[in-house]
Amino acid sequence: MWWIIAVASILVVLLVQYLCSSKILRMKQAISIQLVALRDVRGEGDKLDQQEMELKTQQVSLGQIVVRLRKDIKGLQEAVSDRGIPVPHPGFSLEEDIPTGAEDK
């Protein structure tokens, strides 16, 4: 009779050990998945920050180009007008100040 109790006790202990180890394994897997997801999110955040900086640089560059083009258009208008050639007026203002982005820095 005592050997039945011993075998049953061993089986219960083995069952508890199996259940605990499988739960621990599932928890480790969940933590690993969360860490991978967190690493991916941080990587995407870094990429977005880099893209933001590139876009700001492009915006500044384009603003400076627009300012230079306006000056060139004014000069060309004056040169063509001096020669007596009729010059159509542009559909945009040549006096408007374009933000160059330097104020944002």
N, C-alpha and C. Protein backbone atom coordinates (compact mmCIF):
# COMPACT_ATOMS: atom_id res chain seq x y z
N MET A 1 0.82 -1.19 0.00
CA MET A 1 0.00 0.00 0.00
C MET A 1 0.87 1.27 0.00
N TRP A 2 1.95 1.25 0.75
CA TRP A 2 2.81 2.42 0.85
C TRP A 2 3.48 2.75 -0.48
N TRP A 3 3.75 1.73 -1.31
CA TRP A 3 4.40 1.97 -2.60
C TRP A 3 3.45 2.68 -3.58
N ILE A 4 2.13 2.45 -3.43
CA ILE A 4 1.15 3.14 -4.27
C ILE A 4 1.16 4.64 -3.95
N ILE A 5 1.25 4.96 -2.66
CA ILE A 5 1.30 6.36 -2.23
C ILE A 5 2.59 7.00 -2.73
N ALA A 6 3.70 6.28 -2.68
CA ALA A 6 4.98 6.80 -3.14
C ALA A 6 4.94 7.07 -4.65
N VAL A 7 4.40 6.16 -5.43
CA VAL A 7 4.31 6.31 -6.89
C VAL A 7 3.37 7.48 -7.22
N ALA A 8 2.24 7.55 -6.51
CA ALA A 8 1.29 8.65 -6.75
C ALA A 8 1.94 9.99 -6.41
N SER A 9 2.69 10.04 -5.34
CA SER A 9 3.37 11.29 -4.95
C SER A 9 4.40 11.70 -6.01
N ILE A 10 5.16 10.74 -6.50
CA ILE A 10 6.15 11.03 -7.53
C ILE A 10 5.46 11.54 -8.80
N LEU A 11 4.36 10.91 -9.18
CA LEU A 11 3.62 11.34 -10.37
C LEU A 11 3.07 12.76 -10.20
N VAL A 12 2.56 13.06 -9.02
CA VAL A 12 2.04 14.42 -8.75
C VAL A 12 3.17 15.43 -8.83
N VAL A 13 4.33 15.12 -8.26
CA VAL A 13 5.47 16.02 -8.28
C VAL A 13 5.93 16.24 -9.73
N LEU A 14 6.00 15.18 -10.51
CA LEU A 14 6.40 15.30 -11.92
C LEU A 14 5.39 16.13 -12.71
N LEU A 15 4.11 15.97 -12.44
CA LEU A 15 3.08 16.76 -13.12
C LEU A 15 3.20 18.24 -12.77
N VAL A 16 3.40 18.54 -11.49
CA VAL A 16 3.56 19.92 -11.04
C VAL A 16 4.81 20.53 -11.69
N GLN A 17 5.91 19.77 -11.73
CA GLN A 17 7.14 20.26 -12.34
C GLN A 17 6.92 20.54 -13.83
N TYR A 18 6.22 19.66 -14.52
CA TYR A 18 5.95 19.87 -15.95
C TYR A 18 5.11 21.13 -16.17
N LEU A 19 4.08 21.30 -15.38
CA LEU A 19 3.21 22.46 -15.52
C LEU A 19 3.97 23.76 -15.24
N CYS A 20 4.79 23.75 -14.20
CA CYS A 20 5.55 24.95 -13.85
C CYS A 20 6.59 25.28 -14.93
N SER A 21 7.29 24.26 -15.41
CA SER A 21 8.32 24.52 -16.42
C SER A 21 7.69 24.98 -17.73
N SER A 22 6.54 24.45 -18.11
CA SER A 22 5.90 24.90 -19.35
C SER A 22 5.39 26.34 -19.21
N LYS A 23 4.90 26.69 -18.01
CA LYS A 23 4.46 28.07 -17.78
C LYS A 23 5.65 29.02 -17.85
N ILE A 24 6.77 28.64 -17.25
CA ILE A 24 7.97 29.47 -17.29
C ILE A 24 8.45 29.63 -18.73
N LEU A 25 8.40 28.54 -19.52
CA LEU A 25 8.81 28.61 -20.91
C LEU A 25 7.91 29.56 -21.70
N ARG A 26 6.60 29.51 -21.47
CA ARG A 26 5.68 30.43 -22.16
C ARG A 26 5.96 31.88 -21.76
N MET A 27 6.27 32.11 -20.49
CA MET A 27 6.58 33.47 -20.04
C MET A 27 7.87 33.97 -20.71
N LYS A 28 8.89 33.12 -20.81
CA LYS A 28 10.14 33.51 -21.47
C LYS A 28 9.90 33.83 -22.94
N GLN A 29 9.06 33.03 -23.59
CA GLN A 29 8.76 33.29 -24.99
C GLN A 29 8.02 34.62 -25.15
N ALA A 30 7.08 34.90 -24.27
CA ALA A 30 6.33 36.16 -24.34
C ALA A 30 7.27 37.35 -24.13
N ILE A 31 8.19 37.24 -23.18
CA ILE A 31 9.15 38.31 -22.93
C ILE A 31 10.05 38.50 -24.14
N SER A 32 10.48 37.41 -24.74
CA SER A 32 11.34 37.49 -25.92
C SER A 32 10.61 38.18 -27.08
N ILE A 33 9.36 37.85 -27.30
CA ILE A 33 8.56 38.47 -28.36
C ILE A 33 8.41 39.96 -28.09
N GLN A 34 8.15 40.32 -26.84
CA GLN A 34 8.01 41.74 -26.50
C GLN A 34 9.31 42.50 -26.69
N LEU A 35 10.43 41.89 -26.37
CA LEU A 35 11.73 42.54 -26.56
C LEU A 35 12.03 42.76 -28.04
N VAL A 36 11.70 41.78 -28.86
CA VAL A 36 11.90 41.93 -30.31
C VAL A 36 11.02 43.06 -30.84
N ALA A 37 9.77 43.09 -30.40
CA ALA A 37 8.85 44.15 -30.85
C ALA A 37 9.35 45.52 -30.39
N LEU A 38 9.83 45.62 -29.17
CA LEU A 38 10.36 46.88 -28.65
C LEU A 38 11.58 47.33 -29.45
N ARG A 39 12.46 46.40 -29.77
CA ARG A 39 13.65 46.72 -30.57
C ARG A 39 13.23 47.23 -31.95
N ASP A 40 12.23 46.59 -32.56
CA ASP A 40 11.73 47.03 -33.86
C ASP A 40 11.14 48.43 -33.79
N VAL A 41 10.38 48.70 -32.73
CA VAL A 41 9.77 50.03 -32.57
C VAL A 41 10.83 51.09 -32.39
N ARG A 42 11.85 50.80 -31.61
CA ARG A 42 12.95 51.77 -31.42
C ARG A 42 13.68 52.02 -32.73
N GLY A 43 13.89 50.96 -33.50
CA GLY A 43 14.53 51.12 -34.80
C GLY A 43 13.71 51.99 -35.73
N GLU A 44 12.40 51.79 -35.74
CA GLU A 44 11.52 52.61 -36.57
C GLU A 44 11.54 54.07 -36.10
N GLY A 45 11.58 54.26 -34.79
CA GLY A 45 11.65 55.62 -34.24
C GLY A 45 12.93 56.32 -34.68
N ASP A 46 14.04 55.59 -34.67
CA ASP A 46 15.30 56.18 -35.13
C ASP A 46 15.24 56.53 -36.61
N LYS A 47 14.63 55.64 -37.41
CA LYS A 47 14.49 55.92 -38.85
C LYS A 47 13.63 57.15 -39.07
N LEU A 48 12.54 57.27 -38.31
CA LEU A 48 11.67 58.43 -38.46
C LEU A 48 12.38 59.72 -38.06
N ASP A 49 13.18 59.67 -37.01
CA ASP A 49 13.95 60.85 -36.60
C ASP A 49 14.93 61.26 -37.70
N GLN A 50 15.58 60.27 -38.30
CA GLN A 50 16.52 60.56 -39.38
C GLN A 50 15.79 61.16 -40.59
N GLN A 51 14.63 60.61 -40.94
CA GLN A 51 13.85 61.14 -42.05
C GLN A 51 13.38 62.56 -41.76
N GLU A 52 13.01 62.83 -40.51
CA GLU A 52 12.59 64.17 -40.14
C GLU A 52 13.72 65.18 -40.35
N MET A 53 14.92 64.81 -39.94
CA MET A 53 16.06 65.69 -40.11
C MET A 53 16.35 65.93 -41.61
N GLU A 54 16.25 64.86 -42.41
CA GLU A 54 16.48 65.00 -43.85
C GLU A 54 15.43 65.92 -44.47
N LEU A 55 14.18 65.75 -44.07
CA LEU A 55 13.11 66.60 -44.62
C LEU A 55 13.29 68.06 -44.21
N LYS A 56 13.71 68.30 -42.98
CA LYS A 56 13.95 69.68 -42.56
C LYS A 56 15.08 70.29 -43.37
N THR A 57 16.12 69.52 -43.61
CA THR A 57 17.23 70.00 -44.42
C THR A 57 16.77 70.32 -45.84
N GLN A 58 15.96 69.43 -46.40
CA GLN A 58 15.43 69.66 -47.75
C GLN A 58 14.53 70.90 -47.79
N GLN A 59 13.74 71.08 -46.74
CA GLN A 59 12.85 72.25 -46.67
C GLN A 59 13.67 73.54 -46.67
N VAL A 60 14.72 73.56 -45.87
CA VAL A 60 15.58 74.74 -45.81
C VAL A 60 16.21 74.99 -47.18
N SER A 61 16.71 73.94 -47.79
CA SER A 61 17.35 74.07 -49.09
C SER A 61 16.36 74.58 -50.15
N LEU A 62 15.16 74.02 -50.16
CA LEU A 62 14.15 74.47 -51.12
C LEU A 62 13.74 75.92 -50.87
N GLY A 63 13.64 76.30 -49.63
CA GLY A 63 13.30 77.70 -49.31
C GLY A 63 14.36 78.65 -49.83
N GLN A 64 15.62 78.26 -49.67
CA GLN A 64 16.71 79.09 -50.17
C GLN A 64 16.71 79.15 -51.70
N ILE A 65 16.39 78.04 -52.34
CA ILE A 65 16.31 78.01 -53.81
C ILE A 65 15.19 78.92 -54.30
N VAL A 66 14.04 78.89 -53.62
CA VAL A 66 12.92 79.75 -54.02
C VAL A 66 13.30 81.22 -53.90
N VAL A 67 13.99 81.57 -52.84
CA VAL A 67 14.42 82.97 -52.66
C VAL A 67 15.36 83.37 -53.80
N ARG A 68 16.32 82.49 -54.15
CA ARG A 68 17.24 82.81 -55.24
C ARG A 68 16.51 82.91 -56.58
N LEU A 69 15.54 82.02 -56.81
CA LEU A 69 14.78 82.07 -58.06
C LEU A 69 13.97 83.36 -58.16
N ARG A 70 13.41 83.81 -57.06
CA ARG A 70 12.66 85.07 -57.09
C ARG A 70 13.57 86.24 -57.47
N LYS A 71 14.78 86.24 -56.92
CA LYS A 71 15.73 87.29 -57.26
C LYS A 71 16.09 87.22 -58.75
N ASP A 72 16.30 85.99 -59.24
CA ASP A 72 16.62 85.82 -60.66
C ASP A 72 15.48 86.29 -61.56
N ILE A 73 14.25 85.96 -61.17
CA ILE A 73 13.09 86.37 -61.96
C ILE A 73 12.98 87.89 -62.00
N LYS A 74 13.20 88.53 -60.84
CA LYS A 74 13.15 90.00 -60.81
C LYS A 74 14.20 90.58 -61.76
N GLY A 75 15.41 90.04 -61.69
CA GLY A 75 16.48 90.54 -62.56
C GLY A 75 16.16 90.34 -64.03
N LEU A 76 15.62 89.18 -64.37
CA LEU A 76 15.26 88.91 -65.76
C LEU A 76 14.11 89.80 -66.22
N GLN A 77 13.15 90.02 -65.34
CA GLN A 77 12.03 90.90 -65.70
C GLN A 77 12.54 92.30 -66.01
N GLU A 78 13.43 92.80 -65.19
CA GLU A 78 13.97 94.14 -65.41
C GLU A 78 14.78 94.20 -66.70
N ALA A 79 15.58 93.16 -66.95
CA ALA A 79 16.42 93.14 -68.16
C ALA A 79 15.55 93.08 -69.41
N VAL A 80 14.52 92.26 -69.40
CA VAL A 80 13.63 92.13 -70.55
C VAL A 80 12.80 93.39 -70.73
N SER A 81 12.33 93.98 -69.64
CA SER A 81 11.55 95.22 -69.72
C SER A 81 12.38 96.36 -70.27
N ASP A 82 13.67 96.41 -69.90
CA ASP A 82 14.56 97.46 -70.41
C ASP A 82 14.73 97.38 -71.93
N ARG A 83 14.58 96.19 -72.45
CA ARG A 83 14.72 96.01 -73.90
C ARG A 83 13.40 96.28 -74.63
N GLY A 84 12.37 96.60 -73.89
CA GLY A 84 11.09 96.95 -74.49
C GLY A 84 10.21 95.75 -74.81
N ILE A 85 10.55 94.60 -74.28
CA ILE A 85 9.75 93.40 -74.53
C ILE A 85 8.70 93.31 -73.42
N PRO A 86 7.42 93.10 -73.80
CA PRO A 86 6.40 93.00 -72.76
C PRO A 86 6.63 91.72 -71.93
N VAL A 87 6.51 91.88 -70.62
CA VAL A 87 6.73 90.77 -69.69
C VAL A 87 5.45 90.51 -68.92
N PRO A 88 4.92 89.30 -68.99
CA PRO A 88 3.72 89.01 -68.20
C PRO A 88 4.09 88.97 -66.72
N HIS A 89 3.14 89.37 -65.91
CA HIS A 89 3.36 89.33 -64.46
C HIS A 89 3.13 87.91 -63.96
N PRO A 90 3.98 87.44 -63.06
CA PRO A 90 3.81 86.08 -62.54
C PRO A 90 2.56 85.99 -61.66
N GLY A 91 2.06 84.79 -61.52
CA GLY A 91 0.88 84.56 -60.70
C GLY A 91 1.19 84.47 -59.21
N PHE A 92 2.40 84.79 -58.85
CA PHE A 92 2.81 84.74 -57.44
C PHE A 92 3.61 86.01 -57.14
N SER A 93 3.72 86.29 -55.89
CA SER A 93 4.41 87.50 -55.47
C SER A 93 5.92 87.27 -55.48
N LEU A 94 6.64 88.22 -56.01
CA LEU A 94 8.09 88.14 -55.98
C LEU A 94 8.67 88.78 -54.72
N GLU A 95 7.82 89.41 -53.93
CA GLU A 95 8.27 90.08 -52.72
C GLU A 95 8.06 89.22 -51.48
N GLU A 96 7.31 88.17 -51.60
CA GLU A 96 6.96 87.34 -50.44
C GLU A 96 8.21 86.70 -49.87
N ASP A 97 8.30 86.69 -48.56
CA ASP A 97 9.46 86.12 -47.89
C ASP A 97 9.17 84.65 -47.58
N ILE A 98 9.99 83.77 -48.06
CA ILE A 98 9.84 82.34 -47.82
C ILE A 98 10.66 81.98 -46.59
N PRO A 99 10.05 81.28 -45.62
CA PRO A 99 10.84 80.85 -44.44
C PRO A 99 11.89 79.85 -44.90
N THR A 100 13.13 80.06 -44.51
CA THR A 100 14.21 79.18 -44.92
C THR A 100 14.45 78.08 -43.91
N GLY A 101 13.77 78.09 -42.81
CA GLY A 101 13.94 77.06 -41.80
C GLY A 101 15.03 77.40 -40.80
N ALA A 102 15.78 78.46 -41.04
CA ALA A 102 16.86 78.85 -40.13
C ALA A 102 16.29 79.27 -38.78
N GLU A 103 15.03 79.74 -38.78
CA GLU A 103 14.42 80.16 -37.51
C GLU A 103 14.10 78.97 -36.62
N ASP A 104 13.94 77.76 -37.22
CA ASP A 104 13.55 76.58 -36.47
C ASP A 104 14.71 76.00 -35.67
N LYS A 105 15.95 76.34 -36.07
CA LYS A 105 17.11 75.70 -35.43
C LYS A 105 17.45 76.29 -34.13
